[in-house]
Amino acid sequence: MLEQDPRRDLNALLSDRRALGTMPEGSFAHAYLAYLGGDEMGSAEYFLEAANLDEKAQRFGWSEDQLWFIKRMANSHDLFHIIAGYDRDVTGEVGVVCYTAGQIPLLPLRLLLPYFFILKPSQPFRWARYTRDAYRHGRETPSLACVDYEALLPLPIEAVRREIGVPAISEVHPHGIPGKGWLLDRIERNVALV
């Protein structure tokens, strides 16, 4: 992807709801649009701007190649949700953060994992197994940083998962998704009000 000239702009494609909407029903693109919800949801460009990556590139001395790659992955959180199969609710958010910690070996992500155990879920044992399995799910999935998203967006989402090598969420969590418990439910309600 670095050798392509000109390099593709994944964020511009993800921001083009009209182009994504013309892709086939059941496609990765349609799953992404459904995940985003209506027009009031932030766009890929909005999240890219909010990250202030150009300023960070100057501060940290990133090369043009590094900046291009980091910008390309700026919206990976939403793409990871869809590929891994985690919902947008608070339980799905915890699942995708654990998944991402397995995908990307960054200390701040891994430091979040113990925090999830103090959230008072309704089923502590199942919750511990869920977070552990979500982390393993990310660790065992081939690197999503190397995925050609532009080529995969028109394909059926299940074909995308097969091509990448991502098991179905029911295989990763055969005991199901645990209940939230009062604290997680309260967090979810408070976030929804913002």
N, C-alpha and C. Protein backbone atom coordinates (compact mmCIF):
# COMPACT_ATOMS: atom_id res chain seq x y z
N MET A 1 0.83 -1.20 0.00
CA MET A 1 0.00 0.00 0.00
C MET A 1 0.86 1.26 0.00
N LEU A 2 2.01 1.20 0.70
CA LEU A 2 2.92 2.35 0.72
C LEU A 2 3.50 2.63 -0.66
N GLU A 3 3.63 1.61 -1.48
CA GLU A 3 4.24 1.78 -2.80
C GLU A 3 3.26 2.29 -3.85
N GLN A 4 1.98 2.33 -3.55
CA GLN A 4 1.01 2.80 -4.54
C GLN A 4 1.16 4.30 -4.76
N ASP A 5 1.00 4.72 -6.00
CA ASP A 5 1.11 6.13 -6.33
C ASP A 5 -0.01 6.48 -7.32
N PRO A 6 -0.97 7.30 -6.95
CA PRO A 6 -1.09 7.93 -5.63
C PRO A 6 -1.62 6.95 -4.59
N ARG A 7 -1.33 7.23 -3.36
CA ARG A 7 -1.84 6.38 -2.28
C ARG A 7 -3.33 6.62 -2.10
N ARG A 8 -4.03 5.56 -1.80
CA ARG A 8 -5.48 5.67 -1.58
C ARG A 8 -5.77 6.36 -0.25
N ASP A 9 -6.91 7.01 -0.17
CA ASP A 9 -7.32 7.73 1.03
C ASP A 9 -8.53 7.01 1.62
N LEU A 10 -8.27 6.09 2.56
CA LEU A 10 -9.34 5.30 3.15
C LEU A 10 -10.35 6.18 3.87
N ASN A 11 -9.89 7.22 4.56
CA ASN A 11 -10.80 8.07 5.32
C ASN A 11 -11.76 8.83 4.40
N ALA A 12 -11.27 9.24 3.22
CA ALA A 12 -12.16 9.91 2.26
C ALA A 12 -13.26 8.95 1.80
N LEU A 13 -12.90 7.69 1.57
CA LEU A 13 -13.90 6.70 1.16
C LEU A 13 -14.89 6.44 2.30
N LEU A 14 -14.39 6.30 3.52
CA LEU A 14 -15.27 6.04 4.65
C LEU A 14 -16.20 7.23 4.93
N SER A 15 -15.78 8.42 4.53
CA SER A 15 -16.61 9.61 4.73
C SER A 15 -17.66 9.79 3.62
N ASP A 16 -17.50 9.06 2.53
CA ASP A 16 -18.40 9.21 1.38
C ASP A 16 -19.57 8.23 1.50
N ARG A 17 -20.59 8.64 2.26
CA ARG A 17 -21.72 7.75 2.52
C ARG A 17 -22.45 7.38 1.23
N ARG A 18 -22.45 8.29 0.27
CA ARG A 18 -23.12 7.99 -1.01
C ARG A 18 -22.40 6.85 -1.73
N ALA A 19 -21.07 6.91 -1.80
CA ALA A 19 -20.31 5.84 -2.47
C ALA A 19 -20.46 4.51 -1.73
N LEU A 20 -20.42 4.56 -0.41
CA LEU A 20 -20.59 3.33 0.37
C LEU A 20 -21.99 2.76 0.18
N GLY A 21 -22.98 3.64 0.08
CA GLY A 21 -24.36 3.21 -0.08
C GLY A 21 -24.64 2.53 -1.41
N THR A 22 -23.80 2.81 -2.43
CA THR A 22 -24.00 2.17 -3.73
C THR A 22 -23.40 0.77 -3.78
N MET A 23 -22.66 0.40 -2.75
CA MET A 23 -22.08 -0.95 -2.72
C MET A 23 -23.18 -1.96 -2.39
N PRO A 24 -22.95 -3.24 -2.70
CA PRO A 24 -24.03 -4.24 -2.59
C PRO A 24 -24.61 -4.38 -1.18
N GLU A 25 -25.90 -4.72 -1.12
CA GLU A 25 -26.56 -5.04 0.15
C GLU A 25 -25.79 -6.18 0.82
N GLY A 26 -25.66 -6.12 2.13
CA GLY A 26 -24.97 -7.18 2.87
C GLY A 26 -23.46 -7.04 2.85
N SER A 27 -22.97 -5.96 2.22
CA SER A 27 -21.52 -5.77 2.11
C SER A 27 -20.94 -5.20 3.39
N PHE A 28 -19.63 -5.25 3.49
CA PHE A 28 -18.89 -4.62 4.58
C PHE A 28 -19.25 -3.13 4.64
N ALA A 29 -19.35 -2.48 3.47
CA ALA A 29 -19.70 -1.06 3.41
C ALA A 29 -21.05 -0.80 4.07
N HIS A 30 -22.03 -1.66 3.78
CA HIS A 30 -23.36 -1.47 4.36
C HIS A 30 -23.35 -1.74 5.85
N ALA A 31 -22.55 -2.71 6.28
CA ALA A 31 -22.40 -2.98 7.72
C ALA A 31 -21.78 -1.76 8.41
N TYR A 32 -20.84 -1.12 7.74
CA TYR A 32 -20.20 0.09 8.30
C TYR A 32 -21.22 1.22 8.41
N LEU A 33 -22.02 1.43 7.37
CA LEU A 33 -23.04 2.48 7.41
C LEU A 33 -24.07 2.20 8.50
N ALA A 34 -24.48 0.95 8.64
CA ALA A 34 -25.45 0.59 9.68
C ALA A 34 -24.84 0.82 11.06
N TYR A 35 -23.56 0.51 11.21
CA TYR A 35 -22.88 0.72 12.49
C TYR A 35 -22.86 2.22 12.84
N LEU A 36 -22.58 3.06 11.83
CA LEU A 36 -22.52 4.50 12.08
C LEU A 36 -23.88 5.08 12.45
N GLY A 37 -24.94 4.51 11.93
CA GLY A 37 -26.27 5.06 12.20
C GLY A 37 -26.56 6.20 11.24
N GLY A 38 -27.40 7.12 11.66
CA GLY A 38 -27.84 8.22 10.79
C GLY A 38 -26.78 9.27 10.55
N ASP A 39 -27.18 10.30 9.82
CA ASP A 39 -26.27 11.38 9.45
C ASP A 39 -25.76 12.19 10.64
N GLU A 40 -26.46 12.09 11.77
CA GLU A 40 -26.01 12.85 12.94
C GLU A 40 -24.75 12.25 13.57
N MET A 41 -24.42 11.01 13.21
CA MET A 41 -23.20 10.40 13.73
C MET A 41 -21.99 11.04 13.07
N GLY A 42 -20.87 11.07 13.78
CA GLY A 42 -19.65 11.65 13.23
C GLY A 42 -19.15 10.87 12.03
N SER A 43 -18.49 11.56 11.13
CA SER A 43 -17.94 10.91 9.94
C SER A 43 -16.49 10.52 10.18
N ALA A 44 -15.96 9.75 9.26
CA ALA A 44 -14.56 9.37 9.33
C ALA A 44 -13.66 10.61 9.32
N GLU A 45 -14.03 11.60 8.52
CA GLU A 45 -13.24 12.84 8.46
C GLU A 45 -13.29 13.59 9.80
N TYR A 46 -14.44 13.57 10.45
CA TYR A 46 -14.58 14.23 11.75
C TYR A 46 -13.62 13.61 12.76
N PHE A 47 -13.61 12.28 12.83
CA PHE A 47 -12.73 11.61 13.79
C PHE A 47 -11.26 11.82 13.45
N LEU A 48 -10.96 11.89 12.16
CA LEU A 48 -9.59 12.14 11.73
C LEU A 48 -9.15 13.54 12.16
N GLU A 49 -10.00 14.54 11.94
CA GLU A 49 -9.67 15.90 12.36
C GLU A 49 -9.52 16.00 13.87
N ALA A 50 -10.40 15.32 14.61
CA ALA A 50 -10.36 15.39 16.07
C ALA A 50 -9.06 14.82 16.62
N ALA A 51 -8.42 13.93 15.89
CA ALA A 51 -7.17 13.30 16.36
C ALA A 51 -5.96 14.23 16.26
N ASN A 52 -6.05 15.33 15.49
CA ASN A 52 -4.94 16.29 15.33
C ASN A 52 -3.63 15.60 14.94
N LEU A 53 -3.69 14.73 13.97
CA LEU A 53 -2.52 13.93 13.63
C LEU A 53 -1.40 14.73 12.97
N ASP A 54 -1.74 15.78 12.20
CA ASP A 54 -0.69 16.59 11.58
C ASP A 54 0.16 17.27 12.65
N GLU A 55 -0.50 17.79 13.67
CA GLU A 55 0.22 18.44 14.77
C GLU A 55 1.07 17.42 15.52
N LYS A 56 0.53 16.22 15.73
CA LYS A 56 1.29 15.17 16.42
C LYS A 56 2.48 14.71 15.58
N ALA A 57 2.30 14.68 14.27
CA ALA A 57 3.40 14.27 13.39
C ALA A 57 4.58 15.23 13.53
N GLN A 58 4.27 16.53 13.60
CA GLN A 58 5.35 17.51 13.78
C GLN A 58 6.00 17.36 15.14
N ARG A 59 5.16 17.19 16.17
CA ARG A 59 5.70 17.09 17.54
C ARG A 59 6.58 15.87 17.72
N PHE A 60 6.18 14.73 17.12
CA PHE A 60 6.91 13.48 17.34
C PHE A 60 7.87 13.13 16.20
N GLY A 61 7.91 13.96 15.15
CA GLY A 61 8.85 13.72 14.06
C GLY A 61 8.52 12.52 13.19
N TRP A 62 7.21 12.29 12.96
CA TRP A 62 6.83 11.18 12.09
C TRP A 62 7.20 11.48 10.65
N SER A 63 7.58 10.45 9.93
CA SER A 63 7.83 10.60 8.50
C SER A 63 6.49 10.69 7.77
N GLU A 64 6.53 11.05 6.48
CA GLU A 64 5.29 11.10 5.68
C GLU A 64 4.64 9.73 5.62
N ASP A 65 5.46 8.67 5.51
CA ASP A 65 4.92 7.32 5.47
C ASP A 65 4.23 6.97 6.78
N GLN A 66 4.84 7.31 7.88
CA GLN A 66 4.24 7.03 9.18
C GLN A 66 2.92 7.78 9.35
N LEU A 67 2.92 9.05 8.97
CA LEU A 67 1.70 9.85 9.10
C LEU A 67 0.59 9.28 8.22
N TRP A 68 0.91 8.90 6.99
CA TRP A 68 -0.10 8.32 6.10
C TRP A 68 -0.70 7.06 6.74
N PHE A 69 0.16 6.20 7.28
CA PHE A 69 -0.32 4.95 7.87
C PHE A 69 -1.18 5.22 9.11
N ILE A 70 -0.74 6.12 9.96
CA ILE A 70 -1.49 6.42 11.18
C ILE A 70 -2.85 7.04 10.82
N LYS A 71 -2.87 7.92 9.81
CA LYS A 71 -4.15 8.48 9.36
C LYS A 71 -5.04 7.37 8.81
N ARG A 72 -4.45 6.45 8.08
CA ARG A 72 -5.22 5.35 7.51
C ARG A 72 -5.91 4.54 8.61
N MET A 73 -5.24 4.38 9.74
CA MET A 73 -5.78 3.57 10.83
C MET A 73 -6.60 4.40 11.83
N ALA A 74 -6.81 5.69 11.55
CA ALA A 74 -7.50 6.57 12.50
C ALA A 74 -8.92 6.11 12.79
N ASN A 75 -9.56 5.47 11.84
CA ASN A 75 -10.94 5.00 12.03
C ASN A 75 -11.02 3.49 12.23
N SER A 76 -9.90 2.91 12.63
CA SER A 76 -9.86 1.45 12.77
C SER A 76 -10.80 0.94 13.87
N HIS A 77 -11.08 1.75 14.88
CA HIS A 77 -11.95 1.29 15.97
C HIS A 77 -13.30 0.84 15.42
N ASP A 78 -13.91 1.66 14.57
CA ASP A 78 -15.21 1.30 14.01
C ASP A 78 -15.10 0.09 13.08
N LEU A 79 -14.04 0.03 12.30
CA LEU A 79 -13.85 -1.11 11.40
C LEU A 79 -13.62 -2.39 12.20
N PHE A 80 -12.87 -2.29 13.31
CA PHE A 80 -12.64 -3.46 14.17
C PHE A 80 -13.97 -3.96 14.75
N HIS A 81 -14.85 -3.04 15.15
CA HIS A 81 -16.17 -3.43 15.67
C HIS A 81 -16.87 -4.35 14.67
N ILE A 82 -16.87 -3.93 13.42
CA ILE A 82 -17.62 -4.65 12.40
C ILE A 82 -16.96 -5.98 12.07
N ILE A 83 -15.65 -5.96 11.87
CA ILE A 83 -14.94 -7.19 11.51
C ILE A 83 -15.00 -8.21 12.64
N ALA A 84 -14.76 -7.76 13.88
CA ALA A 84 -14.75 -8.68 15.01
C ALA A 84 -16.15 -9.11 15.42
N GLY A 85 -17.16 -8.25 15.15
CA GLY A 85 -18.54 -8.61 15.46
C GLY A 85 -19.08 -8.07 16.77
N TYR A 86 -18.41 -7.07 17.35
CA TYR A 86 -18.87 -6.51 18.62
C TYR A 86 -19.83 -5.34 18.38
N ASP A 87 -20.93 -5.32 19.14
CA ASP A 87 -21.95 -4.28 19.01
C ASP A 87 -21.44 -2.94 19.50
N ARG A 88 -22.30 -1.90 19.32
CA ARG A 88 -21.97 -0.54 19.75
C ARG A 88 -22.35 -0.28 21.19
N ASP A 89 -22.96 -1.24 21.89
CA ASP A 89 -23.32 -1.01 23.29
C ASP A 89 -22.07 -1.09 24.16
N VAL A 90 -22.22 -0.82 25.45
CA VAL A 90 -21.05 -0.74 26.33
C VAL A 90 -20.32 -2.08 26.43
N THR A 91 -21.05 -3.19 26.39
CA THR A 91 -20.41 -4.50 26.43
C THR A 91 -19.58 -4.72 25.16
N GLY A 92 -20.13 -4.31 24.02
CA GLY A 92 -19.39 -4.40 22.77
C GLY A 92 -18.17 -3.51 22.76
N GLU A 93 -18.28 -2.32 23.39
CA GLU A 93 -17.12 -1.42 23.48
C GLU A 93 -15.99 -2.07 24.28
N VAL A 94 -16.35 -2.67 25.40
CA VAL A 94 -15.34 -3.37 26.20
C VAL A 94 -14.73 -4.50 25.38
N GLY A 95 -15.58 -5.25 24.67
CA GLY A 95 -15.08 -6.34 23.84
C GLY A 95 -14.11 -5.87 22.78
N VAL A 96 -14.44 -4.76 22.10
CA VAL A 96 -13.55 -4.30 21.03
C VAL A 96 -12.27 -3.68 21.58
N VAL A 97 -12.32 -3.09 22.77
CA VAL A 97 -11.07 -2.58 23.37
C VAL A 97 -10.16 -3.74 23.74
N CYS A 98 -10.73 -4.81 24.30
CA CYS A 98 -9.92 -6.01 24.60
C CYS A 98 -9.37 -6.62 23.32
N TYR A 99 -10.21 -6.67 22.29
CA TYR A 99 -9.80 -7.18 20.97
C TYR A 99 -8.64 -6.35 20.42
N THR A 100 -8.77 -5.03 20.51
CA THR A 100 -7.73 -4.13 20.00
C THR A 100 -6.43 -4.30 20.77
N ALA A 101 -6.54 -4.50 22.09
CA ALA A 101 -5.34 -4.74 22.90
C ALA A 101 -4.62 -6.01 22.44
N GLY A 102 -5.38 -7.00 21.98
CA GLY A 102 -4.77 -8.20 21.43
C GLY A 102 -4.16 -7.96 20.07
N GLN A 103 -4.75 -7.06 19.28
CA GLN A 103 -4.25 -6.74 17.95
C GLN A 103 -3.00 -5.86 17.99
N ILE A 104 -3.04 -4.84 18.85
CA ILE A 104 -2.00 -3.80 18.85
C ILE A 104 -1.32 -3.79 20.22
N PRO A 105 -0.07 -4.19 20.30
CA PRO A 105 0.60 -4.31 21.61
C PRO A 105 1.03 -2.97 22.21
N LEU A 106 0.04 -2.13 22.52
CA LEU A 106 0.34 -0.84 23.14
C LEU A 106 0.04 -0.94 24.64
N LEU A 107 0.96 -0.48 25.46
CA LEU A 107 0.80 -0.56 26.91
C LEU A 107 -0.47 0.11 27.41
N PRO A 108 -0.83 1.34 26.94
CA PRO A 108 -2.06 1.96 27.45
C PRO A 108 -3.30 1.10 27.22
N LEU A 109 -3.38 0.40 26.08
CA LEU A 109 -4.52 -0.48 25.83
C LEU A 109 -4.53 -1.63 26.83
N ARG A 110 -3.37 -2.20 27.07
CA ARG A 110 -3.30 -3.35 28.00
C ARG A 110 -3.57 -2.92 29.44
N LEU A 111 -3.23 -1.69 29.77
CA LEU A 111 -3.49 -1.21 31.12
C LEU A 111 -4.99 -1.03 31.38
N LEU A 112 -5.77 -0.89 30.30
CA LEU A 112 -7.23 -0.78 30.46
C LEU A 112 -7.86 -2.11 30.89
N LEU A 113 -7.24 -3.22 30.53
CA LEU A 113 -7.87 -4.51 30.76
C LEU A 113 -8.20 -4.77 32.23
N PRO A 114 -7.27 -4.52 33.18
CA PRO A 114 -7.65 -4.75 34.59
C PRO A 114 -8.79 -3.85 35.05
N TYR A 115 -8.88 -2.65 34.48
CA TYR A 115 -9.96 -1.72 34.85
C TYR A 115 -11.33 -2.33 34.59
N PHE A 116 -11.44 -3.12 33.53
CA PHE A 116 -12.74 -3.69 33.17
C PHE A 116 -13.27 -4.65 34.24
N PHE A 117 -12.36 -5.17 35.08
CA PHE A 117 -12.80 -6.12 36.09
C PHE A 117 -13.42 -5.44 37.30
N ILE A 118 -13.33 -4.12 37.41
CA ILE A 118 -13.93 -3.44 38.56
C ILE A 118 -15.25 -2.76 38.18
N LEU A 119 -15.79 -3.10 37.02
CA LEU A 119 -17.01 -2.46 36.56
C LEU A 119 -18.29 -3.12 37.08
N LYS A 120 -18.16 -4.05 37.99
CA LYS A 120 -19.30 -4.71 38.63
C LYS A 120 -20.31 -5.29 37.63
N PRO A 121 -19.85 -6.17 36.74
CA PRO A 121 -20.80 -6.80 35.82
C PRO A 121 -21.74 -7.73 36.59
N SER A 122 -22.86 -8.06 35.97
CA SER A 122 -23.84 -8.90 36.65
C SER A 122 -23.37 -10.35 36.77
N GLN A 123 -22.46 -10.76 35.90
CA GLN A 123 -21.98 -12.14 35.90
C GLN A 123 -20.44 -12.12 35.90
N PRO A 124 -19.81 -11.94 37.06
CA PRO A 124 -18.36 -11.73 37.11
C PRO A 124 -17.54 -12.82 36.43
N PHE A 125 -17.89 -14.09 36.62
CA PHE A 125 -17.11 -15.16 36.01
C PHE A 125 -17.22 -15.11 34.49
N ARG A 126 -18.46 -14.97 33.99
CA ARG A 126 -18.66 -14.89 32.54
C ARG A 126 -18.00 -13.63 31.97
N TRP A 127 -18.01 -12.55 32.76
CA TRP A 127 -17.39 -11.30 32.32
C TRP A 127 -15.88 -11.48 32.16
N ALA A 128 -15.24 -12.13 33.14
CA ALA A 128 -13.80 -12.38 33.05
C ALA A 128 -13.48 -13.22 31.82
N ARG A 129 -14.29 -14.24 31.58
CA ARG A 129 -14.07 -15.09 30.41
C ARG A 129 -14.30 -14.30 29.12
N TYR A 130 -15.31 -13.44 29.11
CA TYR A 130 -15.60 -12.61 27.93
C TYR A 130 -14.43 -11.69 27.59
N THR A 131 -13.90 -10.97 28.58
CA THR A 131 -12.79 -10.05 28.29
C THR A 131 -11.53 -10.82 27.88
N ARG A 132 -11.28 -11.95 28.53
CA ARG A 132 -10.13 -12.78 28.15
C ARG A 132 -10.27 -13.28 26.72
N ASP A 133 -11.46 -13.78 26.38
CA ASP A 133 -11.67 -14.32 25.04
C ASP A 133 -11.64 -13.23 23.97
N ALA A 134 -12.13 -12.02 24.30
CA ALA A 134 -12.08 -10.91 23.35
C ALA A 134 -10.61 -10.52 23.08
N TYR A 135 -9.79 -10.52 24.13
CA TYR A 135 -8.36 -10.23 23.96
C TYR A 135 -7.71 -11.29 23.07
N ARG A 136 -8.00 -12.55 23.36
CA ARG A 136 -7.44 -13.64 22.53
C ARG A 136 -7.93 -13.55 21.09
N HIS A 137 -9.19 -13.17 20.93
CA HIS A 137 -9.78 -13.00 19.60
C HIS A 137 -8.93 -12.01 18.78
N GLY A 138 -8.57 -10.88 19.39
CA GLY A 138 -7.74 -9.91 18.71
C GLY A 138 -6.34 -10.42 18.45
N ARG A 139 -5.77 -11.10 19.44
CA ARG A 139 -4.39 -11.60 19.30
C ARG A 139 -4.29 -12.65 18.21
N GLU A 140 -5.33 -13.46 18.05
CA GLU A 140 -5.29 -14.57 17.09
C GLU A 140 -5.76 -14.17 15.69
N THR A 141 -6.37 -13.00 15.55
CA THR A 141 -6.78 -12.51 14.23
C THR A 141 -5.57 -11.95 13.52
N PRO A 142 -5.36 -12.28 12.23
CA PRO A 142 -4.26 -11.65 11.50
C PRO A 142 -4.35 -10.13 11.60
N SER A 143 -3.22 -9.45 11.48
CA SER A 143 -3.16 -8.01 11.68
C SER A 143 -4.14 -7.26 10.77
N LEU A 144 -5.06 -6.52 11.38
CA LEU A 144 -6.00 -5.71 10.62
C LEU A 144 -5.37 -4.41 10.12
N ALA A 145 -4.15 -4.13 10.56
CA ALA A 145 -3.43 -2.97 10.04
C ALA A 145 -2.99 -3.20 8.59
N CYS A 146 -2.93 -4.46 8.18
CA CYS A 146 -2.46 -4.80 6.83
C CYS A 146 -3.58 -5.10 5.86
N VAL A 147 -4.81 -4.84 6.26
CA VAL A 147 -5.97 -5.19 5.43
C VAL A 147 -6.20 -4.12 4.35
N ASP A 148 -6.52 -4.57 3.15
CA ASP A 148 -6.88 -3.68 2.05
C ASP A 148 -8.38 -3.40 2.14
N TYR A 149 -8.74 -2.46 3.01
CA TYR A 149 -10.15 -2.17 3.27
C TYR A 149 -10.89 -1.74 2.01
N GLU A 150 -10.24 -0.97 1.15
CA GLU A 150 -10.91 -0.49 -0.06
C GLU A 150 -11.39 -1.66 -0.93
N ALA A 151 -10.57 -2.72 -1.00
CA ALA A 151 -10.96 -3.89 -1.81
C ALA A 151 -12.04 -4.71 -1.12
N LEU A 152 -12.08 -4.67 0.21
CA LEU A 152 -13.02 -5.50 0.97
C LEU A 152 -14.38 -4.86 1.19
N LEU A 153 -14.47 -3.53 1.16
CA LEU A 153 -15.74 -2.87 1.48
C LEU A 153 -16.92 -3.32 0.61
N PRO A 154 -16.72 -3.61 -0.70
CA PRO A 154 -17.87 -4.05 -1.51
C PRO A 154 -18.29 -5.50 -1.27
N LEU A 155 -17.46 -6.28 -0.56
CA LEU A 155 -17.72 -7.71 -0.40
C LEU A 155 -18.69 -7.98 0.75
N PRO A 156 -19.41 -9.13 0.70
CA PRO A 156 -20.26 -9.51 1.83
C PRO A 156 -19.43 -9.60 3.11
N ILE A 157 -19.98 -9.12 4.21
CA ILE A 157 -19.22 -9.06 5.45
C ILE A 157 -18.72 -10.44 5.89
N GLU A 158 -19.51 -11.47 5.68
CA GLU A 158 -19.05 -12.82 6.06
C GLU A 158 -17.88 -13.26 5.19
N ALA A 159 -17.88 -12.88 3.91
CA ALA A 159 -16.75 -13.20 3.03
C ALA A 159 -15.50 -12.45 3.48
N VAL A 160 -15.68 -11.22 3.95
CA VAL A 160 -14.56 -10.42 4.46
C VAL A 160 -13.94 -11.11 5.66
N ARG A 161 -14.80 -11.54 6.58
CA ARG A 161 -14.29 -12.22 7.78
C ARG A 161 -13.55 -13.50 7.42
N ARG A 162 -14.10 -14.26 6.47
CA ARG A 162 -13.42 -15.49 6.04
C ARG A 162 -12.08 -15.18 5.41
N GLU A 163 -12.04 -14.16 4.54
CA GLU A 163 -10.79 -13.82 3.85
C GLU A 163 -9.71 -13.39 4.82
N ILE A 164 -10.09 -12.61 5.83
CA ILE A 164 -9.11 -12.16 6.82
C ILE A 164 -8.73 -13.29 7.77
N GLY A 165 -9.69 -14.15 8.07
CA GLY A 165 -9.45 -15.23 9.03
C GLY A 165 -10.00 -14.90 10.41
N VAL A 166 -11.20 -14.29 10.41
CA VAL A 166 -11.84 -13.89 11.67
C VAL A 166 -12.99 -14.86 11.93
N PRO A 167 -12.97 -15.56 13.07
CA PRO A 167 -14.07 -16.47 13.37
C PRO A 167 -15.34 -15.71 13.72
N ALA A 168 -16.46 -16.40 13.64
CA ALA A 168 -17.74 -15.80 14.03
C ALA A 168 -17.72 -15.49 15.52
N ILE A 169 -18.40 -14.43 15.90
CA ILE A 169 -18.44 -14.01 17.30
C ILE A 169 -19.00 -15.13 18.19
N SER A 170 -19.90 -15.95 17.65
CA SER A 170 -20.46 -17.07 18.43
C SER A 170 -19.41 -18.14 18.71
N GLU A 171 -18.40 -18.26 17.85
CA GLU A 171 -17.31 -19.20 18.10
C GLU A 171 -16.35 -18.65 19.15
N VAL A 172 -16.14 -17.34 19.13
CA VAL A 172 -15.23 -16.71 20.09
C VAL A 172 -15.84 -16.71 21.48
N HIS A 173 -17.14 -16.48 21.56
CA HIS A 173 -17.85 -16.42 22.84
C HIS A 173 -18.98 -17.45 22.84
N PRO A 174 -18.63 -18.75 22.91
CA PRO A 174 -19.68 -19.78 22.82
C PRO A 174 -20.68 -19.74 23.97
N HIS A 175 -20.32 -19.10 25.07
CA HIS A 175 -21.23 -19.00 26.23
C HIS A 175 -22.08 -17.73 26.17
N GLY A 176 -21.96 -17.00 25.07
CA GLY A 176 -22.73 -15.78 24.89
C GLY A 176 -22.05 -14.56 25.50
N ILE A 177 -22.70 -13.44 25.37
CA ILE A 177 -22.20 -12.16 25.90
C ILE A 177 -22.80 -11.98 27.29
N PRO A 178 -21.99 -11.70 28.31
CA PRO A 178 -22.53 -11.57 29.67
C PRO A 178 -23.40 -10.33 29.84
N GLY A 179 -24.24 -10.38 30.86
CA GLY A 179 -25.07 -9.22 31.19
C GLY A 179 -24.21 -8.08 31.69
N LYS A 180 -24.73 -6.86 31.55
CA LYS A 180 -23.95 -5.67 31.89
C LYS A 180 -23.82 -5.43 33.38
N GLY A 181 -24.88 -5.62 34.11
CA GLY A 181 -24.86 -5.22 35.51
C GLY A 181 -25.20 -3.75 35.64
N TRP A 182 -25.47 -3.30 36.86
CA TRP A 182 -26.00 -1.95 37.07
C TRP A 182 -25.02 -0.86 36.69
N LEU A 183 -23.71 -1.04 36.96
CA LEU A 183 -22.76 0.03 36.69
C LEU A 183 -22.54 0.21 35.19
N LEU A 184 -22.37 -0.89 34.47
CA LEU A 184 -22.21 -0.79 33.02
C LEU A 184 -23.48 -0.24 32.37
N ASP A 185 -24.63 -0.64 32.88
CA ASP A 185 -25.89 -0.12 32.35
C ASP A 185 -25.98 1.40 32.58
N ARG A 186 -25.56 1.83 33.74
CA ARG A 186 -25.58 3.27 34.06
C ARG A 186 -24.60 4.03 33.16
N ILE A 187 -23.41 3.48 32.95
CA ILE A 187 -22.42 4.11 32.07
C ILE A 187 -23.02 4.24 30.67
N GLU A 188 -23.65 3.18 30.18
CA GLU A 188 -24.23 3.20 28.83
C GLU A 188 -25.31 4.26 28.72
N ARG A 189 -26.19 4.36 29.74
CA ARG A 189 -27.25 5.37 29.71
C ARG A 189 -26.68 6.78 29.73
N ASN A 190 -25.63 7.00 30.54
CA ASN A 190 -25.02 8.33 30.63
C ASN A 190 -24.34 8.73 29.32
N VAL A 191 -23.70 7.77 28.67
CA VAL A 191 -23.06 8.06 27.37
C VAL A 191 -24.12 8.38 26.33
N ALA A 192 -25.25 7.68 26.37
CA ALA A 192 -26.33 7.91 25.40
C ALA A 192 -26.93 9.31 25.56
N LEU A 193 -26.86 9.87 26.76
CA LEU A 193 -27.40 11.20 26.99
C LEU A 193 -26.51 12.31 26.46
N VAL A 194 -25.23 12.01 26.27
CA VAL A 194 -24.27 13.03 25.84
C VAL A 194 -24.49 13.39 24.38
